[in-house]
Amino acid sequence: MMCIALLLLAGAVSAQAITLVENGQSRYRIVIPANAIASERYAAEELQRYIEKISGAKLPIVTATDKPTDYEIRLAGR
């Protein structure tokens, strides 16, 4: 069972572990700004490729104009 976890720091005191990918599946998606510049799109594609290489899951890349979910990796630019 392959599982990738990230730690999200909610302040200096507490941390919460999340499961990004489990058994090659993920609920997460990569979100870029609606007016993303080329380097932001490239960063999202690189992140997508590396997560896929590590876990087998290919996370979709969407723009911030899509309805938000609880399962997002947001890439903020500028």
PDB file of N, CA and C in Angstrom:
ATOM      1  N   MET A   1       0.845  -1.169   0.000  1.00  0.00           N
ATOM      2  CA  MET A   1       0.000   0.000   0.000  1.00  0.00           C
ATOM      3  C   MET A   1       0.893   1.235   0.000  1.00  0.00           C
ATOM      4  N   MET A   2       0.842   2.011  -1.092  1.00  0.00           N
ATOM      5  CA  MET A   2       1.643   3.226  -1.166  1.00  0.00           C
ATOM      6  C   MET A   2       0.819   4.393  -0.664  1.00  0.00           C
ATOM      7  N   CYS A   3       1.422   5.169   0.190  1.00  0.00           N
ATOM      8  CA  CYS A   3       0.715   6.285   0.789  1.00  0.00           C
ATOM      9  C   CYS A   3       1.672   7.456   0.935  1.00  0.00           C
ATOM     10  N   ILE A   4       1.268   8.633   0.494  1.00  0.00           N
ATOM     11  CA  ILE A   4       2.075   9.833   0.651  1.00  0.00           C
ATOM     12  C   ILE A   4       1.322  10.769   1.577  1.00  0.00           C
ATOM     13  N   ALA A   5       2.014  11.271   2.584  1.00  0.00           N
ATOM     14  CA  ALA A   5       1.378  12.183   3.533  1.00  0.00           C
ATOM     15  C   ALA A   5       2.146  13.486   3.591  1.00  0.00           C
ATOM     16  N   LEU A   6       1.433  14.566   3.773  1.00  0.00           N
ATOM     17  CA  LEU A   6       2.009  15.885   3.962  1.00  0.00           C
ATOM     18  C   LEU A   6       1.626  16.375   5.337  1.00  0.00           C
ATOM     19  N   LEU A   7       2.486  17.199   5.896  1.00  0.00           N
ATOM     20  CA  LEU A   7       2.138  17.851   7.155  1.00  0.00           C
ATOM     21  C   LEU A   7       1.755  19.284   6.854  1.00  0.00           C
ATOM     22  N   LEU A   8       0.594  19.660   7.318  1.00  0.00           N
ATOM     23  CA  LEU A   8       0.149  21.037   7.191  1.00  0.00           C
ATOM     24  C   LEU A   8       0.309  21.673   8.555  1.00  0.00           C
ATOM     25  N   LEU A   9       1.110  22.714   8.610  1.00  0.00           N
ATOM     26  CA  LEU A   9       1.343  23.373   9.892  1.00  0.00           C
ATOM     27  C   LEU A   9       0.297  24.447  10.109  1.00  0.00           C
ATOM     28  N   ALA A  10      -0.456  24.307  11.152  1.00  0.00           N
ATOM     29  CA  ALA A  10      -1.477  25.290  11.523  1.00  0.00           C
ATOM     30  C   ALA A  10      -0.946  26.053  12.724  1.00  0.00           C
ATOM     31  N   GLY A  11       0.061  26.848  12.494  1.00  0.00           N
ATOM     32  CA  GLY A  11       0.732  27.549  13.575  1.00  0.00           C
ATOM     33  C   GLY A  11       1.955  26.761  14.002  1.00  0.00           C
ATOM     34  N   ALA A  12       2.689  27.301  14.924  1.00  0.00           N
ATOM     35  CA  ALA A  12       3.926  26.665  15.366  1.00  0.00           C
ATOM     36  C   ALA A  12       3.694  25.503  16.316  1.00  0.00           C
ATOM     37  N   VAL A  13       2.500  25.384  16.877  1.00  0.00           N
ATOM     38  CA  VAL A  13       2.259  24.395  17.915  1.00  0.00           C
ATOM     39  C   VAL A  13       1.703  23.080  17.385  1.00  0.00           C
ATOM     40  N   SER A  14       0.750  23.129  16.457  1.00  0.00           N
ATOM     41  CA  SER A  14       0.092  21.903  16.037  1.00  0.00           C
ATOM     42  C   SER A  14       0.336  21.612  14.561  1.00  0.00           C
ATOM     43  N   ALA A  15       0.256  20.335  14.213  1.00  0.00           N
ATOM     44  CA  ALA A  15       0.376  19.903  12.829  1.00  0.00           C
ATOM     45  C   ALA A  15      -0.641  18.798  12.588  1.00  0.00           C
ATOM     46  N   GLN A  16      -1.145  18.749  11.373  1.00  0.00           N
ATOM     47  CA  GLN A  16      -2.138  17.739  11.023  1.00  0.00           C
ATOM     48  C   GLN A  16      -1.632  16.988   9.802  1.00  0.00           C
ATOM     49  N   ALA A  17      -1.596  15.676   9.859  1.00  0.00           N
ATOM     50  CA  ALA A  17      -1.174  14.863   8.730  1.00  0.00           C
ATOM     51  C   ALA A  17      -2.369  14.619   7.810  1.00  0.00           C
ATOM     52  N   ILE A  18      -2.128  14.708   6.515  1.00  0.00           N
ATOM     53  CA  ILE A  18      -3.160  14.385   5.535  1.00  0.00           C
ATOM     54  C   ILE A  18      -2.620  13.326   4.598  1.00  0.00           C
ATOM     55  N   THR A  19      -3.493  12.574   4.000  1.00  0.00           N
ATOM     56  CA  THR A  19      -3.098  11.591   2.999  1.00  0.00           C
ATOM     57  C   THR A  19      -3.359  12.189   1.632  1.00  0.00           C
ATOM     58  N   LEU A  20      -2.297  12.395   0.884  1.00  0.00           N
ATOM     59  CA  LEU A  20      -2.400  12.981  -0.446  1.00  0.00           C
ATOM     60  C   LEU A  20      -2.761  11.918  -1.484  1.00  0.00           C
ATOM     61  N   VAL A  21      -2.093  10.773  -1.398  1.00  0.00           N
ATOM     62  CA  VAL A  21      -2.329   9.668  -2.329  1.00  0.00           C
ATOM     63  C   VAL A  21      -2.342   8.363  -1.544  1.00  0.00           C
ATOM     64  N   GLU A  22      -3.288   7.519  -1.875  1.00  0.00           N
ATOM     65  CA  GLU A  22      -3.339   6.195  -1.265  1.00  0.00           C
ATOM     66  C   GLU A  22      -3.697   5.180  -2.334  1.00  0.00           C
ATOM     67  N   ASN A  23      -2.893   4.155  -2.454  1.00  0.00           N
ATOM     68  CA  ASN A  23      -3.108   3.104  -3.449  1.00  0.00           C
ATOM     69  C   ASN A  23      -3.242   3.667  -4.861  1.00  0.00           C
ATOM     70  N   GLY A  24      -2.435   4.664  -5.182  1.00  0.00           N
ATOM     71  CA  GLY A  24      -2.442   5.233  -6.529  1.00  0.00           C
ATOM     72  C   GLY A  24      -3.627   6.130  -6.838  1.00  0.00           C
ATOM     73  N   GLN A  25      -4.430   6.470  -5.837  1.00  0.00           N
ATOM     74  CA  GLN A  25      -5.605   7.312  -6.036  1.00  0.00           C
ATOM     75  C   GLN A  25      -5.513   8.543  -5.138  1.00  0.00           C
ATOM     76  N   SER A  26      -6.087   9.651  -5.607  1.00  0.00           N
ATOM     77  CA  SER A  26      -6.101  10.868  -4.821  1.00  0.00           C
ATOM     78  C   SER A  26      -7.381  11.642  -5.072  1.00  0.00           C
ATOM     79  N   ARG A  27      -7.858  12.313  -4.039  1.00  0.00           N
ATOM     80  CA  ARG A  27      -9.001  13.217  -4.182  1.00  0.00           C
ATOM     81  C   ARG A  27      -8.525  14.632  -4.495  1.00  0.00           C
ATOM     82  N   TYR A  28      -7.223  14.848  -4.376  1.00  0.00           N
ATOM     83  CA  TYR A  28      -6.666  16.185  -4.520  1.00  0.00           C
ATOM     84  C   TYR A  28      -6.505  16.610  -5.966  1.00  0.00           C
ATOM     85  N   ARG A  29      -6.445  17.930  -6.136  1.00  0.00           N
ATOM     86  CA  ARG A  29      -6.176  18.533  -7.429  1.00  0.00           C
ATOM     87  C   ARG A  29      -5.260  19.720  -7.208  1.00  0.00           C
ATOM     88  N   ILE A  30      -4.582  20.115  -8.252  1.00  0.00           N
ATOM     89  CA  ILE A  30      -3.667  21.247  -8.199  1.00  0.00           C
ATOM     90  C   ILE A  30      -4.399  22.451  -8.777  1.00  0.00           C
ATOM     91  N   VAL A  31      -4.433  23.551  -8.020  1.00  0.00           N
ATOM     92  CA  VAL A  31      -5.181  24.738  -8.430  1.00  0.00           C
ATOM     93  C   VAL A  31      -4.203  25.880  -8.720  1.00  0.00           C
ATOM     94  N   ILE A  32      -4.344  26.463  -9.903  1.00  0.00           N
ATOM     95  CA  ILE A  32      -3.531  27.617 -10.276  1.00  0.00           C
ATOM     96  C   ILE A  32      -4.451  28.815 -10.488  1.00  0.00           C
ATOM     97  N   PRO A  33      -3.899  30.030 -10.416  1.00  0.00           N
ATOM     98  CA  PRO A  33      -4.730  31.213 -10.648  1.00  0.00           C
ATOM     99  C   PRO A  33      -5.372  31.191 -12.039  1.00  0.00           C
ATOM    100  N   ALA A  34      -6.519  31.814 -12.168  1.00  0.00           N
ATOM    101  CA  ALA A  34      -7.206  31.875 -13.467  1.00  0.00           C
ATOM    102  C   ALA A  34      -6.340  32.583 -14.496  1.00  0.00           C
ATOM    103  N   ASN A  35      -5.551  33.544 -14.051  1.00  0.00           N
ATOM    104  CA  ASN A  35      -4.683  34.290 -14.971  1.00  0.00           C
ATOM    105  C   ASN A  35      -3.223  33.872 -14.784  1.00  0.00           C
ATOM    106  N   ALA A  36      -3.007  32.580 -14.584  1.00  0.00           N
ATOM    107  CA  ALA A  36      -1.663  32.058 -14.321  1.00  0.00           C
ATOM    108  C   ALA A  36      -0.703  32.405 -15.449  1.00  0.00           C
ATOM    109  N   ILE A  37       0.513  32.780 -15.048  1.00  0.00           N
ATOM    110  CA  ILE A  37       1.556  33.033 -16.043  1.00  0.00           C
ATOM    111  C   ILE A  37       2.244  31.705 -16.368  1.00  0.00           C
ATOM    112  N   ALA A  38       3.062  31.713 -17.380  1.00  0.00           N
ATOM    113  CA  ALA A  38       3.696  30.478 -17.860  1.00  0.00           C
ATOM    114  C   ALA A  38       4.463  29.747 -16.756  1.00  0.00           C
ATOM    115  N   SER A  39       5.179  30.478 -15.926  1.00  0.00           N
ATOM    116  CA  SER A  39       5.964  29.815 -14.878  1.00  0.00           C
ATOM    117  C   SER A  39       5.064  29.156 -13.830  1.00  0.00           C
ATOM    118  N   GLU A  40       3.901  29.706 -13.575  1.00  0.00           N
ATOM    119  CA  GLU A  40       2.956  29.091 -12.638  1.00  0.00           C
ATOM    120  C   GLU A  40       2.385  27.807 -13.222  1.00  0.00           C
ATOM    121  N   ARG A  41       2.041  27.845 -14.497  1.00  0.00           N
ATOM    122  CA  ARG A  41       1.554  26.624 -15.161  1.00  0.00           C
ATOM    123  C   ARG A  41       2.636  25.550 -15.164  1.00  0.00           C
ATOM    124  N   TYR A  42       3.872  25.969 -15.449  1.00  0.00           N
ATOM    125  CA  TYR A  42       4.992  25.028 -15.468  1.00  0.00           C
ATOM    126  C   TYR A  42       5.184  24.397 -14.085  1.00  0.00           C
ATOM    127  N   ALA A  43       5.121  25.211 -13.038  1.00  0.00           N
ATOM    128  CA  ALA A  43       5.267  24.698 -11.670  1.00  0.00           C
ATOM    129  C   ALA A  43       4.187  23.664 -11.364  1.00  0.00           C
ATOM    130  N   ALA A  44       2.957  23.934 -11.771  1.00  0.00           N
ATOM    131  CA  ALA A  44       1.863  22.989 -11.549  1.00  0.00           C
ATOM    132  C   ALA A  44       2.099  21.684 -12.301  1.00  0.00           C
ATOM    133  N   GLU A  45       2.577  21.788 -13.538  1.00  0.00           N
ATOM    134  CA  GLU A  45       2.853  20.587 -14.334  1.00  0.00           C
ATOM    135  C   GLU A  45       4.001  19.776 -13.744  1.00  0.00           C
ATOM    136  N   GLU A  46       5.027  20.461 -13.238  1.00  0.00           N
ATOM    137  CA  GLU A  46       6.143  19.766 -12.591  1.00  0.00           C
ATOM    138  C   GLU A  46       5.669  19.039 -11.337  1.00  0.00           C
ATOM    139  N   LEU A  47       4.874  19.715 -10.512  1.00  0.00           N
ATOM    140  CA  LEU A  47       4.334  19.087  -9.315  1.00  0.00           C
ATOM    141  C   LEU A  47       3.499  17.874  -9.688  1.00  0.00           C
ATOM    142  N   GLN A  48       2.659  18.021 -10.703  1.00  0.00           N
ATOM    143  CA  GLN A  48       1.822  16.920 -11.180  1.00  0.00           C
ATOM    144  C   GLN A  48       2.684  15.730 -11.605  1.00  0.00           C
ATOM    145  N   ARG A  49       3.753  15.993 -12.373  1.00  0.00           N
ATOM    146  CA  ARG A  49       4.645  14.920 -12.849  1.00  0.00           C
ATOM    147  C   ARG A  49       5.334  14.204 -11.692  1.00  0.00           C
ATOM    148  N   TYR A  50       5.854  14.969 -10.738  1.00  0.00           N
ATOM    149  CA  TYR A  50       6.564  14.343  -9.626  1.00  0.00           C
ATOM    150  C   TYR A  50       5.631  13.527  -8.741  1.00  0.00           C
ATOM    151  N   ILE A  51       4.453  14.040  -8.464  1.00  0.00           N
ATOM    152  CA  ILE A  51       3.504  13.252  -7.666  1.00  0.00           C
ATOM    153  C   ILE A  51       3.154  11.968  -8.398  1.00  0.00           C
ATOM    154  N   GLU A  52       2.971  12.057  -9.711  1.00  0.00           N
ATOM    155  CA  GLU A  52       2.654  10.853 -10.484  1.00  0.00           C
ATOM    156  C   GLU A  52       3.816   9.857 -10.464  1.00  0.00           C
ATOM    157  N   LYS A  53       5.050  10.348 -10.604  1.00  0.00           N
ATOM    158  CA  LYS A  53       6.216   9.449 -10.571  1.00  0.00           C
ATOM    159  C   LYS A  53       6.340   8.753  -9.223  1.00  0.00           C
ATOM    160  N   ILE A  54       6.090   9.491  -8.163  1.00  0.00           N
ATOM    161  CA  ILE A  54       6.240   8.948  -6.812  1.00  0.00           C
ATOM    162  C   ILE A  54       5.118   7.986  -6.468  1.00  0.00           C
ATOM    163  N   SER A  55       3.892   8.314  -6.864  1.00  0.00           N
ATOM    164  CA  SER A  55       2.728   7.581  -6.344  1.00  0.00           C
ATOM    165  C   SER A  55       1.884   6.850  -7.379  1.00  0.00           C
ATOM    166  N   GLY A  56       2.013   7.246  -8.651  1.00  0.00           N
ATOM    167  CA  GLY A  56       1.156   6.665  -9.680  1.00  0.00           C
ATOM    168  C   GLY A  56      -0.134   7.442  -9.900  1.00  0.00           C
ATOM    169  N   ALA A  57      -0.408   8.431  -9.051  1.00  0.00           N
ATOM    170  CA  ALA A  57      -1.631   9.231  -9.180  1.00  0.00           C
ATOM    171  C   ALA A  57      -1.331  10.513  -9.942  1.00  0.00           C
ATOM    172  N   LYS A  58      -2.128  10.792 -10.967  1.00  0.00           N
ATOM    173  CA  LYS A  58      -1.969  12.025 -11.734  1.00  0.00           C
ATOM    174  C   LYS A  58      -3.060  13.000 -11.305  1.00  0.00           C
ATOM    175  N   LEU A  59      -2.658  13.995 -10.533  1.00  0.00           N
ATOM    176  CA  LEU A  59      -3.613  14.983 -10.042  1.00  0.00           C
ATOM    177  C   LEU A  59      -3.987  15.944 -11.158  1.00  0.00           C
ATOM    178  N   PRO A  60      -5.267  16.260 -11.298  1.00  0.00           N
ATOM    179  CA  PRO A  60      -5.680  17.219 -12.323  1.00  0.00           C
ATOM    180  C   PRO A  60      -5.217  18.632 -11.964  1.00  0.00           C
ATOM    181  N   ILE A  61      -4.983  19.437 -12.978  1.00  0.00           N
ATOM    182  CA  ILE A  61      -4.655  20.847 -12.799  1.00  0.00           C
ATOM    183  C   ILE A  61      -5.880  21.643 -13.231  1.00  0.00           C
ATOM    184  N   VAL A  62      -6.380  22.484 -12.337  1.00  0.00           N
ATOM    185  CA  VAL A  62      -7.562  23.300 -12.615  1.00  0.00           C
ATOM    186  C   VAL A  62      -7.251  24.750 -12.276  1.00  0.00           C
ATOM    187  N   THR A  63      -8.121  25.642 -12.721  1.00  0.00           N
ATOM    188  CA  THR A  63      -7.934  27.057 -12.392  1.00  0.00           C
ATOM    189  C   THR A  63      -8.790  27.432 -11.186  1.00  0.00           C
ATOM    190  N   ALA A  64      -8.429  28.522 -10.568  1.00  0.00           N
ATOM    191  CA  ALA A  64      -9.126  28.981  -9.364  1.00  0.00           C
ATOM    192  C   ALA A  64     -10.566  29.402  -9.651  1.00  0.00           C
ATOM    193  N   THR A  65     -10.968  29.431 -10.908  1.00  0.00           N
ATOM    194  CA  THR A  65     -12.352  29.765 -11.240  1.00  0.00           C
ATOM    195  C   THR A  65     -13.294  28.587 -10.993  1.00  0.00           C
ATOM    196  N   ASP A  66     -12.742  27.372 -10.897  1.00  0.00           N
ATOM    197  CA  ASP A  66     -13.556  26.199 -10.583  1.00  0.00           C
ATOM    198  C   ASP A  66     -14.012  26.265  -9.128  1.00  0.00           C
ATOM    199  N   LYS A  67     -15.104  25.587  -8.830  1.00  0.00           N
ATOM    200  CA  LYS A  67     -15.644  25.578  -7.465  1.00  0.00           C
ATOM    201  C   LYS A  67     -14.614  24.960  -6.508  1.00  0.00           C
ATOM    202  N   PRO A  68     -14.310  25.642  -5.393  1.00  0.00           N
ATOM    203  CA  PRO A  68     -13.325  25.112  -4.435  1.00  0.00           C
ATOM    204  C   PRO A  68     -13.798  23.807  -3.782  1.00  0.00           C
ATOM    205  N   THR A  69     -12.842  22.975  -3.407  1.00  0.00           N
ATOM    206  CA  THR A  69     -13.121  21.747  -2.668  1.00  0.00           C
ATOM    207  C   THR A  69     -12.219  21.719  -1.436  1.00  0.00           C
ATOM    208  N   ASP A  70     -12.391  20.705  -0.621  1.00  0.00           N
ATOM    209  CA  ASP A  70     -11.529  20.525   0.548  1.00  0.00           C
ATOM    210  C   ASP A  70     -10.229  19.822   0.186  1.00  0.00           C
ATOM    211  N   TYR A  71     -10.067  19.433  -1.069  1.00  0.00           N
ATOM    212  CA  TYR A  71      -8.914  18.648  -1.488  1.00  0.00           C
ATOM    213  C   TYR A  71      -8.158  19.376  -2.595  1.00  0.00           C
ATOM    214  N   GLU A  72      -7.426  20.401  -2.211  1.00  0.00           N
ATOM    215  CA  GLU A  72      -6.716  21.224  -3.180  1.00  0.00           C
ATOM    216  C   GLU A  72      -5.296  21.502  -2.739  1.00  0.00           C
ATOM    217  N   ILE A  73      -4.417  21.561  -3.712  1.00  0.00           N
ATOM    218  CA  ILE A  73      -3.073  22.079  -3.528  1.00  0.00           C
ATOM    219  C   ILE A  73      -3.066  23.361  -4.331  1.00  0.00           C
ATOM    220  N   ARG A  74      -3.067  24.490  -3.642  1.00  0.00           N
ATOM    221  CA  ARG A  74      -3.166  25.785  -4.308  1.00  0.00           C
ATOM    222  C   ARG A  74      -1.779  26.357  -4.536  1.00  0.00           C
ATOM    223  N   LEU A  75      -1.501  26.689  -5.791  1.00  0.00           N
ATOM    224  CA  LEU A  75      -0.251  27.351  -6.133  1.00  0.00           C
ATOM    225  C   LEU A  75      -0.561  28.827  -6.329  1.00  0.00           C
ATOM    226  N   ALA A  76      -0.060  29.626  -5.440  1.00  0.00           N
ATOM    227  CA  ALA A  76      -0.310  31.068  -5.510  1.00  0.00           C
ATOM    228  C   ALA A  76       0.904  31.740  -6.133  1.00  0.00           C
ATOM    229  N   GLY A  77       0.667  32.620  -7.030  1.00  0.00           N
ATOM    230  CA  GLY A  77       1.753  33.331  -7.682  1.00  0.00           C
ATOM    231  C   GLY A  77       1.798  34.775  -7.237  1.00  0.00           C
ATOM    232  N   ARG A  78       2.688  35.433  -7.817  1.00  0.00           N
ATOM    233  CA  ARG A  78       2.902  36.870  -7.634  1.00  0.00           C
ATOM    234  C   ARG A  78       2.468  37.357  -6.335  1.00  0.00           C
TER     235      ARG A  78
END
